[in-house]
Amino acid sequence: MSRPVRRRHPDNRMAAVFLTPWVLGLVLITTVPMLASLALSFTDYSLIAAPRWSGLDNARRIMEDARLHHSLLVTLAYVAVSTPLQLALALAVALVLNTGMRGLALYRSIFYLPSLIGASVAIAILWRQMFGARGLVNEILGRIGFTDLPGWVSDPRSALWTIVLLHVWTFGAPMVIFLAGLRQIPTQYYEAAAVDGASRRARFVHITLPLLTPIIFFNLVLQTINAFQSFTQAFVVSGGTGGPSDSTLFFTLYLYQRGFGDFDMGYASAMGWVLLLIVAAFTSLNFALSRRWVFYDD
């Protein structure tokens, strides 16, 4: 008895053709560089001479590097403050837009625009000028009556918070996701609560927030990862130094300085994997804690 001939469906071949660029990108642009950086993290590599195996020497240097520890504290402070503020602002704007106002598409596009351009070099330069000693912010505050205003980006006490404000300003992406989640909440719940005499605040606390927790969790994970990877804002605002007094020395900026400033690429590769482990740890922690506060329909 002859075996049945297996015929490949033409749709499968077409799918393979369209997937080929993505697979090549995954292998050549992501997987291979990651494996190369993992190998380089165990070497002494200066970009000039050939890599020389050093074992766990880079790990020992990371444990003893006080400036790296400081950059990690700066990054953690940035993530801990900017991410909740950004999500709170995104949710507040989404709640306003969900009231059924006219021109929703226009407002949604306007509020989403900062997410597209907020990480650009041009916006970072503009931000540095606005919060400089003679910038727009001090000009406005001076006209109101404030005096002896500092250069916000040149003062160690306020430089980091200007970058936090820039990150919060790019709330458009989580706002759009929140708005989509709000549109999925059945109106019957609000109608039943209104009949029972529940106030607007009670409806928000007992209906909106619990049903929106999966969206909040999704945005929290994404924005936490994005915040840990922030680089352009700190690089441009501080002039690439992480100043003043290392107050804006993000972990990614210090990694860049060691890799491309000091040509210590082996150490920078080890730092990159440390950052990966830190992000993975925070993501795992978010997933573990989500069981206590994230609620689904079932």
C-alpha atoms as a PDB file:
ATOM      1  CA  MET A   1       0.000   0.000   0.000  1.00  0.00           C
ATOM      2  CA  SER A   2       1.532   3.308  -1.052  1.00  0.00           C
ATOM      3  CA  ARG A   3       2.053   6.051   1.471  1.00  0.00           C
ATOM      4  CA  PRO A   4      -0.105   9.145   1.104  1.00  0.00           C
ATOM      5  CA  VAL A   5       1.749  12.065  -0.426  1.00  0.00           C
ATOM      6  CA  ARG A   6       2.004  15.020   1.910  1.00  0.00           C
ATOM      7  CA  ARG A   7       1.385  18.253   0.121  1.00  0.00           C
ATOM      8  CA  ARG A   8       2.510  21.511   1.554  1.00  0.00           C
ATOM      9  CA  HIS A   9      -0.180  24.078   1.636  1.00  0.00           C
ATOM     10  CA  PRO A  10       0.827  27.176  -0.361  1.00  0.00           C
ATOM     11  CA  ASP A  11      -0.184  29.338   2.611  1.00  0.00           C
ATOM     12  CA  ASN A  12       2.512  27.670   4.725  1.00  0.00           C
ATOM     13  CA  ARG A  13       5.193  28.567   2.209  1.00  0.00           C
ATOM     14  CA  MET A  14       3.989  32.133   2.046  1.00  0.00           C
ATOM     15  CA  ALA A  15       3.981  32.328   5.840  1.00  0.00           C
ATOM     16  CA  ALA A  16       7.562  31.044   5.885  1.00  0.00           C
ATOM     17  CA  VAL A  17       8.568  33.717   3.377  1.00  0.00           C
ATOM     18  CA  PHE A  18       7.072  36.493   5.479  1.00  0.00           C
ATOM     19  CA  LEU A  19       8.562  35.079   8.693  1.00  0.00           C
ATOM     20  CA  THR A  20      12.066  34.796   7.258  1.00  0.00           C
ATOM     21  CA  PRO A  21      13.067  38.470   7.863  1.00  0.00           C
ATOM     22  CA  TRP A  22      11.848  38.258  11.455  1.00  0.00           C
ATOM     23  CA  VAL A  23      13.680  34.976  12.081  1.00  0.00           C
ATOM     24  CA  LEU A  24      16.882  36.366  10.554  1.00  0.00           C
ATOM     25  CA  GLY A  25      16.565  39.470  12.707  1.00  0.00           C
ATOM     26  CA  LEU A  26      15.968  37.363  15.812  1.00  0.00           C
ATOM     27  CA  VAL A  27      19.033  35.234  15.138  1.00  0.00           C
ATOM     28  CA  LEU A  28      21.491  37.768  13.719  1.00  0.00           C
ATOM     29  CA  ILE A  29      20.488  40.937  15.602  1.00  0.00           C
ATOM     30  CA  THR A  30      19.347  39.512  18.952  1.00  0.00           C
ATOM     31  CA  THR A  31      20.491  35.950  19.663  1.00  0.00           C
ATOM     32  CA  VAL A  32      24.013  36.060  18.250  1.00  0.00           C
ATOM     33  CA  PRO A  33      24.926  39.413  19.909  1.00  0.00           C
ATOM     34  CA  MET A  34      23.504  38.184  23.217  1.00  0.00           C
ATOM     35  CA  LEU A  35      25.606  35.022  23.113  1.00  0.00           C
ATOM     36  CA  ALA A  36      28.649  37.045  22.062  1.00  0.00           C
ATOM     37  CA  SER A  37      28.174  39.468  24.963  1.00  0.00           C
ATOM     38  CA  LEU A  38      27.811  36.527  27.347  1.00  0.00           C
ATOM     39  CA  ALA A  39      31.139  35.140  26.145  1.00  0.00           C
ATOM     40  CA  LEU A  40      32.800  38.577  26.310  1.00  0.00           C
ATOM     41  CA  SER A  41      31.592  39.067  29.888  1.00  0.00           C
ATOM     42  CA  PHE A  42      34.204  36.476  30.937  1.00  0.00           C
ATOM     43  CA  THR A  43      37.030  38.214  29.092  1.00  0.00           C
ATOM     44  CA  ASP A  44      39.242  41.270  29.232  1.00  0.00           C
ATOM     45  CA  TYR A  45      38.389  42.955  25.923  1.00  0.00           C
ATOM     46  CA  SER A  46      39.427  46.494  25.021  1.00  0.00           C
ATOM     47  CA  LEU A  47      38.068  46.638  21.431  1.00  0.00           C
ATOM     48  CA  ILE A  48      41.680  47.055  20.282  1.00  0.00           C
ATOM     49  CA  ALA A  49      43.354  43.832  21.338  1.00  0.00           C
ATOM     50  CA  ALA A  50      41.886  40.354  21.088  1.00  0.00           C
ATOM     51  CA  PRO A  51      39.686  39.180  23.993  1.00  0.00           C
ATOM     52  CA  ARG A  52      41.628  37.526  26.807  1.00  0.00           C
ATOM     53  CA  TRP A  53      39.867  35.042  29.087  1.00  0.00           C
ATOM     54  CA  SER A  54      39.592  36.396  32.642  1.00  0.00           C
ATOM     55  CA  GLY A  55      36.987  34.128  34.175  1.00  0.00           C
ATOM     56  CA  LEU A  56      35.004  35.735  36.990  1.00  0.00           C
ATOM     57  CA  ASP A  57      37.277  38.763  37.257  1.00  0.00           C
ATOM     58  CA  ASN A  58      34.572  41.073  35.848  1.00  0.00           C
ATOM     59  CA  ALA A  59      32.091  39.793  38.438  1.00  0.00           C
ATOM     60  CA  ARG A  60      34.586  40.636  41.190  1.00  0.00           C
ATOM     61  CA  ARG A  61      35.084  44.108  39.752  1.00  0.00           C
ATOM     62  CA  ILE A  62      31.309  44.655  39.681  1.00  0.00           C
ATOM     63  CA  MET A  63      31.089  43.800  43.372  1.00  0.00           C
ATOM     64  CA  GLU A  64      33.833  46.335  44.174  1.00  0.00           C
ATOM     65  CA  ASP A  65      32.815  49.153  41.810  1.00  0.00           C
ATOM     66  CA  ALA A  66      31.362  51.919  43.998  1.00  0.00           C
ATOM     67  CA  ARG A  67      30.365  54.046  40.999  1.00  0.00           C
ATOM     68  CA  LEU A  68      28.401  51.140  39.553  1.00  0.00           C
ATOM     69  CA  HIS A  69      26.588  50.713  42.866  1.00  0.00           C
ATOM     70  CA  HIS A  70      25.735  54.414  42.850  1.00  0.00           C
ATOM     71  CA  SER A  71      24.419  54.194  39.276  1.00  0.00           C
ATOM     72  CA  LEU A  72      22.223  51.287  40.326  1.00  0.00           C
ATOM     73  CA  LEU A  73      20.770  53.310  43.214  1.00  0.00           C
ATOM     74  CA  VAL A  74      20.081  56.231  40.871  1.00  0.00           C
ATOM     75  CA  THR A  75      18.350  53.898  38.421  1.00  0.00           C
ATOM     76  CA  LEU A  76      16.252  52.265  41.136  1.00  0.00           C
ATOM     77  CA  ALA A  77      15.152  55.682  42.429  1.00  0.00           C
ATOM     78  CA  TYR A  78      14.257  56.722  38.894  1.00  0.00           C
ATOM     79  CA  VAL A  79      12.225  53.559  38.259  1.00  0.00           C
ATOM     80  CA  ALA A  80      10.505  53.633  41.664  1.00  0.00           C
ATOM     81  CA  VAL A  81       9.299  57.227  41.214  1.00  0.00           C
ATOM     82  CA  SER A  82       8.747  57.668  37.478  1.00  0.00           C
ATOM     83  CA  THR A  83       6.861  54.444  36.736  1.00  0.00           C
ATOM     84  CA  PRO A  84       4.027  54.855  39.298  1.00  0.00           C
ATOM     85  CA  LEU A  85       3.639  58.551  38.438  1.00  0.00           C
ATOM     86  CA  GLN A  86       3.503  57.799  34.731  1.00  0.00           C
ATOM     87  CA  LEU A  87       0.899  55.061  35.181  1.00  0.00           C
ATOM     88  CA  ALA A  88      -1.204  57.239  37.504  1.00  0.00           C
ATOM     89  CA  LEU A  89      -1.225  60.091  34.980  1.00  0.00           C
ATOM     90  CA  ALA A  90      -1.972  57.694  32.119  1.00  0.00           C
ATOM     91  CA  LEU A  91      -4.927  56.208  34.007  1.00  0.00           C
ATOM     92  CA  ALA A  92      -6.267  59.643  34.959  1.00  0.00           C
ATOM     93  CA  VAL A  93      -6.189  60.861  31.352  1.00  0.00           C
ATOM     94  CA  ALA A  94      -7.735  57.596  30.135  1.00  0.00           C
ATOM     95  CA  LEU A  95     -10.599  58.019  32.605  1.00  0.00           C
ATOM     96  CA  VAL A  96     -11.246  61.528  31.290  1.00  0.00           C
ATOM     97  CA  LEU A  97     -11.152  60.397  27.672  1.00  0.00           C
ATOM     98  CA  ASN A  98     -13.480  57.500  28.479  1.00  0.00           C
ATOM     99  CA  THR A  99     -16.303  59.865  29.424  1.00  0.00           C
ATOM    100  CA  GLY A 100     -17.447  59.995  25.797  1.00  0.00           C
ATOM    101  CA  MET A 101     -16.161  63.425  24.840  1.00  0.00           C
ATOM    102  CA  ARG A 102     -16.181  64.584  21.244  1.00  0.00           C
ATOM    103  CA  GLY A 103     -13.006  64.379  19.204  1.00  0.00           C
ATOM    104  CA  LEU A 104     -11.735  61.350  21.108  1.00  0.00           C
ATOM    105  CA  ALA A 105      -9.504  60.230  18.237  1.00  0.00           C
ATOM    106  CA  LEU A 106      -7.840  63.648  18.091  1.00  0.00           C
ATOM    107  CA  TYR A 107      -7.197  63.831  21.841  1.00  0.00           C
ATOM    108  CA  ARG A 108      -5.937  60.261  21.881  1.00  0.00           C
ATOM    109  CA  SER A 109      -3.438  61.076  19.122  1.00  0.00           C
ATOM    110  CA  ILE A 110      -2.290  64.256  20.871  1.00  0.00           C
ATOM    111  CA  PHE A 111      -1.689  62.487  24.173  1.00  0.00           C
ATOM    112  CA  TYR A 112       0.005  59.540  22.455  1.00  0.00           C
ATOM    113  CA  LEU A 113       2.454  61.770  20.574  1.00  0.00           C
ATOM    114  CA  PRO A 114       4.886  62.246  23.530  1.00  0.00           C
ATOM    115  CA  SER A 115       5.414  58.484  23.662  1.00  0.00           C
ATOM    116  CA  LEU A 116       6.647  58.562  20.070  1.00  0.00           C
ATOM    117  CA  ILE A 117       9.035  61.497  20.427  1.00  0.00           C
ATOM    118  CA  GLY A 118       9.808  61.527  24.155  1.00  0.00           C
ATOM    119  CA  ALA A 119      12.866  59.280  23.855  1.00  0.00           C
ATOM    120  CA  SER A 120      14.360  61.235  20.947  1.00  0.00           C
ATOM    121  CA  VAL A 121      17.533  63.271  21.152  1.00  0.00           C
ATOM    122  CA  ALA A 122      15.706  66.412  20.000  1.00  0.00           C
ATOM    123  CA  ILE A 123      13.239  66.308  22.899  1.00  0.00           C
ATOM    124  CA  ALA A 124      16.049  65.647  25.380  1.00  0.00           C
ATOM    125  CA  ILE A 125      17.927  68.703  24.076  1.00  0.00           C
ATOM    126  CA  LEU A 126      14.759  70.777  24.304  1.00  0.00           C
ATOM    127  CA  TRP A 127      14.201  69.541  27.860  1.00  0.00           C
ATOM    128  CA  ARG A 128      17.741  70.516  28.817  1.00  0.00           C
ATOM    129  CA  GLN A 129      17.188  74.016  27.475  1.00  0.00           C
ATOM    130  CA  MET A 130      13.806  74.383  29.174  1.00  0.00           C
ATOM    131  CA  PHE A 131      15.175  73.458  32.608  1.00  0.00           C
ATOM    132  CA  GLY A 132      18.444  75.341  32.283  1.00  0.00           C
ATOM    133  CA  ALA A 133      19.335  78.377  34.365  1.00  0.00           C
ATOM    134  CA  ARG A 134      17.955  80.686  31.651  1.00  0.00           C
ATOM    135  CA  GLY A 135      15.360  78.272  30.322  1.00  0.00           C
ATOM    136  CA  LEU A 136      11.650  78.584  29.786  1.00  0.00           C
ATOM    137  CA  VAL A 137      10.744  77.124  33.187  1.00  0.00           C
ATOM    138  CA  ASN A 138      12.772  79.698  35.112  1.00  0.00           C
ATOM    139  CA  GLU A 139      11.463  82.442  32.814  1.00  0.00           C
ATOM    140  CA  ILE A 140       7.876  81.569  33.691  1.00  0.00           C
ATOM    141  CA  LEU A 141       8.612  81.158  37.408  1.00  0.00           C
ATOM    142  CA  GLY A 142      10.485  84.467  37.402  1.00  0.00           C
ATOM    143  CA  ARG A 143       7.507  86.281  35.911  1.00  0.00           C
ATOM    144  CA  ILE A 144       5.290  84.831  38.647  1.00  0.00           C
ATOM    145  CA  GLY A 145       7.584  86.240  41.299  1.00  0.00           C
ATOM    146  CA  PHE A 146      10.094  83.524  42.199  1.00  0.00           C
ATOM    147  CA  THR A 147      13.703  84.583  42.584  1.00  0.00           C
ATOM    148  CA  ASP A 148      17.114  82.894  42.955  1.00  0.00           C
ATOM    149  CA  LEU A 149      16.002  79.994  40.777  1.00  0.00           C
ATOM    150  CA  PRO A 150      18.586  77.265  40.133  1.00  0.00           C
ATOM    151  CA  GLY A 151      19.514  75.658  36.863  1.00  0.00           C
ATOM    152  CA  TRP A 152      17.398  72.568  37.356  1.00  0.00           C
ATOM    153  CA  VAL A 153      19.521  70.261  35.187  1.00  0.00           C
ATOM    154  CA  SER A 154      22.771  71.574  36.692  1.00  0.00           C
ATOM    155  CA  ASP A 155      21.712  71.190  40.336  1.00  0.00           C
ATOM    156  CA  PRO A 156      22.437  67.733  41.856  1.00  0.00           C
ATOM    157  CA  ARG A 157      19.283  68.014  43.977  1.00  0.00           C
ATOM    158  CA  SER A 158      16.919  68.430  41.020  1.00  0.00           C
ATOM    159  CA  ALA A 159      18.666  67.078  37.918  1.00  0.00           C
ATOM    160  CA  LEU A 160      17.297  63.548  38.297  1.00  0.00           C
ATOM    161  CA  TRP A 161      13.743  64.786  38.846  1.00  0.00           C
ATOM    162  CA  THR A 162      13.766  66.704  35.566  1.00  0.00           C
ATOM    163  CA  ILE A 163      14.416  63.391  33.808  1.00  0.00           C
ATOM    164  CA  VAL A 164      11.677  61.775  35.897  1.00  0.00           C
ATOM    165  CA  LEU A 165       9.316  64.499  34.696  1.00  0.00           C
ATOM    166  CA  LEU A 166      10.328  63.818  31.097  1.00  0.00           C
ATOM    167  CA  HIS A 167       9.564  60.122  31.553  1.00  0.00           C
ATOM    168  CA  VAL A 168       6.187  60.860  33.141  1.00  0.00           C
ATOM    169  CA  TRP A 169       5.379  63.149  30.201  1.00  0.00           C
ATOM    170  CA  THR A 170       5.628  60.168  27.831  1.00  0.00           C
ATOM    171  CA  PHE A 171       2.465  58.580  29.241  1.00  0.00           C
ATOM    172  CA  GLY A 172       0.717  58.114  25.896  1.00  0.00           C
ATOM    173  CA  ALA A 173       1.392  54.416  25.320  1.00  0.00           C
ATOM    174  CA  PRO A 174       0.048  53.166  28.687  1.00  0.00           C
ATOM    175  CA  MET A 175      -2.816  55.679  28.393  1.00  0.00           C
ATOM    176  CA  VAL A 176      -3.997  54.099  25.132  1.00  0.00           C
ATOM    177  CA  ILE A 177      -3.828  50.643  26.715  1.00  0.00           C
ATOM    178  CA  PHE A 178      -5.768  51.851  29.768  1.00  0.00           C
ATOM    179  CA  LEU A 179      -8.393  53.399  27.505  1.00  0.00           C
ATOM    180  CA  ALA A 180      -8.820  50.119  25.640  1.00  0.00           C
ATOM    181  CA  GLY A 181      -9.214  48.294  28.961  1.00  0.00           C
ATOM    182  CA  LEU A 182     -11.830  50.776  30.198  1.00  0.00           C
ATOM    183  CA  ARG A 183     -13.843  50.239  27.023  1.00  0.00           C
ATOM    184  CA  GLN A 184     -13.995  46.506  27.790  1.00  0.00           C
ATOM    185  CA  ILE A 185     -15.654  46.894  31.198  1.00  0.00           C
ATOM    186  CA  PRO A 186     -19.376  46.065  30.865  1.00  0.00           C
ATOM    187  CA  THR A 187     -21.646  49.047  31.519  1.00  0.00           C
ATOM    188  CA  GLN A 188     -24.119  46.796  33.369  1.00  0.00           C
ATOM    189  CA  TYR A 189     -21.859  46.853  36.419  1.00  0.00           C
ATOM    190  CA  TYR A 190     -21.976  50.646  36.625  1.00  0.00           C
ATOM    191  CA  GLU A 191     -25.724  50.728  36.021  1.00  0.00           C
ATOM    192  CA  ALA A 192     -26.369  48.210  38.794  1.00  0.00           C
ATOM    193  CA  ALA A 193     -24.102  50.137  41.183  1.00  0.00           C
ATOM    194  CA  ALA A 194     -25.843  53.419  40.324  1.00  0.00           C
ATOM    195  CA  VAL A 195     -29.217  51.844  41.067  1.00  0.00           C
ATOM    196  CA  ASP A 196     -27.877  50.746  44.459  1.00  0.00           C
ATOM    197  CA  GLY A 197     -26.803  54.332  45.166  1.00  0.00           C
ATOM    198  CA  ALA A 198     -23.035  53.842  44.835  1.00  0.00           C
ATOM    199  CA  SER A 199     -21.077  57.071  44.450  1.00  0.00           C
ATOM    200  CA  ARG A 200     -18.705  57.751  41.572  1.00  0.00           C
ATOM    201  CA  ARG A 201     -15.746  57.133  43.864  1.00  0.00           C
ATOM    202  CA  ALA A 202     -17.213  53.825  45.071  1.00  0.00           C
ATOM    203  CA  ARG A 203     -17.787  52.702  41.483  1.00  0.00           C
ATOM    204  CA  PHE A 204     -14.195  53.526  40.618  1.00  0.00           C
ATOM    205  CA  VAL A 205     -12.757  51.719  43.651  1.00  0.00           C
ATOM    206  CA  HIS A 206     -14.986  48.633  43.588  1.00  0.00           C
ATOM    207  CA  ILE A 207     -15.631  48.175  39.849  1.00  0.00           C
ATOM    208  CA  THR A 208     -13.136  50.005  37.667  1.00  0.00           C
ATOM    209  CA  LEU A 209      -9.940  49.284  39.559  1.00  0.00           C
ATOM    210  CA  PRO A 210     -10.526  45.538  40.194  1.00  0.00           C
ATOM    211  CA  LEU A 211     -11.554  44.893  36.582  1.00  0.00           C
ATOM    212  CA  LEU A 212      -8.655  46.990  35.306  1.00  0.00           C
ATOM    213  CA  THR A 213      -5.959  45.242  37.376  1.00  0.00           C
ATOM    214  CA  PRO A 214      -4.834  42.957  34.486  1.00  0.00           C
ATOM    215  CA  ILE A 215      -4.236  46.071  32.354  1.00  0.00           C
ATOM    216  CA  ILE A 216      -2.487  47.831  35.242  1.00  0.00           C
ATOM    217  CA  PHE A 217      -0.253  44.797  35.701  1.00  0.00           C
ATOM    218  CA  PHE A 218       0.546  44.654  31.976  1.00  0.00           C
ATOM    219  CA  ASN A 219       1.475  48.336  31.889  1.00  0.00           C
ATOM    220  CA  LEU A 220       3.465  48.030  35.109  1.00  0.00           C
ATOM    221  CA  VAL A 221       5.651  45.255  33.715  1.00  0.00           C
ATOM    222  CA  LEU A 222       6.234  47.014  30.389  1.00  0.00           C
ATOM    223  CA  GLN A 223       6.966  50.442  31.833  1.00  0.00           C
ATOM    224  CA  THR A 224       9.254  49.048  34.533  1.00  0.00           C
ATOM    225  CA  ILE A 225      11.355  47.317  31.887  1.00  0.00           C
ATOM    226  CA  ASN A 226      11.390  50.473  29.754  1.00  0.00           C
ATOM    227  CA  ALA A 227      12.437  52.620  32.718  1.00  0.00           C
ATOM    228  CA  PHE A 228      15.380  50.350  33.515  1.00  0.00           C
ATOM    229  CA  GLN A 229      16.529  50.713  29.895  1.00  0.00           C
ATOM    230  CA  SER A 230      16.329  54.537  29.798  1.00  0.00           C
ATOM    231  CA  PHE A 231      19.474  56.028  28.332  1.00  0.00           C
ATOM    232  CA  THR A 232      18.963  58.865  25.834  1.00  0.00           C
ATOM    233  CA  GLN A 233      17.395  61.293  28.297  1.00  0.00           C
ATOM    234  CA  ALA A 234      20.187  60.975  30.878  1.00  0.00           C
ATOM    235  CA  PHE A 235      22.900  61.007  28.226  1.00  0.00           C
ATOM    236  CA  VAL A 236      21.702  64.211  26.558  1.00  0.00           C
ATOM    237  CA  VAL A 237      20.556  66.104  29.657  1.00  0.00           C
ATOM    238  CA  SER A 238      23.822  65.403  31.502  1.00  0.00           C
ATOM    239  CA  GLY A 239      26.020  65.807  28.445  1.00  0.00           C
ATOM    240  CA  GLY A 240      27.045  62.163  28.641  1.00  0.00           C
ATOM    241  CA  THR A 241      28.704  62.545  32.042  1.00  0.00           C
ATOM    242  CA  GLY A 242      25.881  61.523  34.359  1.00  0.00           C
ATOM    243  CA  GLY A 243      26.343  64.786  36.223  1.00  0.00           C
ATOM    244  CA  PRO A 244      26.099  66.918  38.084  1.00  0.00           C
ATOM    245  CA  SER A 245      27.886  64.896  40.785  1.00  0.00           C
ATOM    246  CA  ASP A 246      26.684  61.651  39.167  1.00  0.00           C
ATOM    247  CA  SER A 247      23.095  62.513  40.118  1.00  0.00           C
ATOM    248  CA  THR A 248      21.830  61.330  36.705  1.00  0.00           C
ATOM    249  CA  LEU A 249      24.268  58.448  36.255  1.00  0.00           C
ATOM    250  CA  PHE A 250      21.892  55.739  35.104  1.00  0.00           C
ATOM    251  CA  PHE A 251      23.132  52.172  34.961  1.00  0.00           C
ATOM    252  CA  THR A 252      22.843  52.160  31.171  1.00  0.00           C
ATOM    253  CA  LEU A 253      24.806  55.418  30.934  1.00  0.00           C
ATOM    254  CA  TYR A 254      27.595  54.047  33.097  1.00  0.00           C
ATOM    255  CA  LEU A 255      27.617  50.895  30.973  1.00  0.00           C
ATOM    256  CA  TYR A 256      28.036  53.075  27.889  1.00  0.00           C
ATOM    257  CA  GLN A 257      30.884  55.011  29.515  1.00  0.00           C
ATOM    258  CA  ARG A 258      32.780  51.851  30.407  1.00  0.00           C
ATOM    259  CA  GLY A 259      32.207  50.156  27.067  1.00  0.00           C
ATOM    260  CA  PHE A 260      32.621  52.988  24.583  1.00  0.00           C
ATOM    261  CA  GLY A 261      34.428  55.590  26.712  1.00  0.00           C
ATOM    262  CA  ASP A 262      37.000  53.409  28.468  1.00  0.00           C
ATOM    263  CA  PHE A 263      36.923  50.657  25.792  1.00  0.00           C
ATOM    264  CA  ASP A 264      36.414  48.107  28.550  1.00  0.00           C
ATOM    265  CA  MET A 265      33.962  46.040  26.551  1.00  0.00           C
ATOM    266  CA  GLY A 266      34.362  42.869  28.585  1.00  0.00           C
ATOM    267  CA  TYR A 267      33.336  44.685  31.755  1.00  0.00           C
ATOM    268  CA  ALA A 268      30.485  46.442  29.931  1.00  0.00           C
ATOM    269  CA  SER A 269      29.210  43.080  28.667  1.00  0.00           C
ATOM    270  CA  ALA A 270      29.190  41.769  32.230  1.00  0.00           C
ATOM    271  CA  MET A 271      27.270  44.890  33.305  1.00  0.00           C
ATOM    272  CA  GLY A 272      24.733  44.258  30.544  1.00  0.00           C
ATOM    273  CA  TRP A 273      24.031  40.797  31.894  1.00  0.00           C
ATOM    274  CA  VAL A 274      23.731  42.185  35.421  1.00  0.00           C
ATOM    275  CA  LEU A 275      21.077  44.572  34.124  1.00  0.00           C
ATOM    276  CA  LEU A 276      19.299  41.669  32.437  1.00  0.00           C
ATOM    277  CA  LEU A 277      19.256  39.723  35.710  1.00  0.00           C
ATOM    278  CA  ILE A 278      17.960  42.771  37.625  1.00  0.00           C
ATOM    279  CA  VAL A 279      15.137  43.340  35.136  1.00  0.00           C
ATOM    280  CA  ALA A 280      14.297  39.619  35.189  1.00  0.00           C
ATOM    281  CA  ALA A 281      14.207  39.664  38.997  1.00  0.00           C
ATOM    282  CA  PHE A 282      11.838  42.653  39.110  1.00  0.00           C
ATOM    283  CA  THR A 283       9.634  41.106  36.425  1.00  0.00           C
ATOM    284  CA  SER A 284       9.471  37.815  38.321  1.00  0.00           C
ATOM    285  CA  LEU A 285       8.636  39.713  41.509  1.00  0.00           C
ATOM    286  CA  ASN A 286       5.797  41.525  39.748  1.00  0.00           C
ATOM    287  CA  PHE A 287       4.392  38.226  38.501  1.00  0.00           C
ATOM    288  CA  ALA A 288       4.667  36.667  41.954  1.00  0.00           C
ATOM    289  CA  LEU A 289       2.921  39.590  43.654  1.00  0.00           C
ATOM    290  CA  SER A 290       0.265  39.829  40.940  1.00  0.00           C
ATOM    291  CA  ARG A 291      -1.520  36.820  42.417  1.00  0.00           C
ATOM    292  CA  ARG A 292      -2.515  38.988  45.376  1.00  0.00           C
ATOM    293  CA  TRP A 293      -3.944  41.996  43.567  1.00  0.00           C
ATOM    294  CA  VAL A 294      -4.684  41.112  39.925  1.00  0.00           C
ATOM    295  CA  PHE A 295      -8.248  39.875  39.327  1.00  0.00           C
ATOM    296  CA  TYR A 296      -9.643  38.263  36.212  1.00  0.00           C
ATOM    297  CA  ASP A 297     -13.235  37.697  35.116  1.00  0.00           C
ATOM    298  CA  ASP A 298     -13.107  34.027  36.083  1.00  0.00           C
END
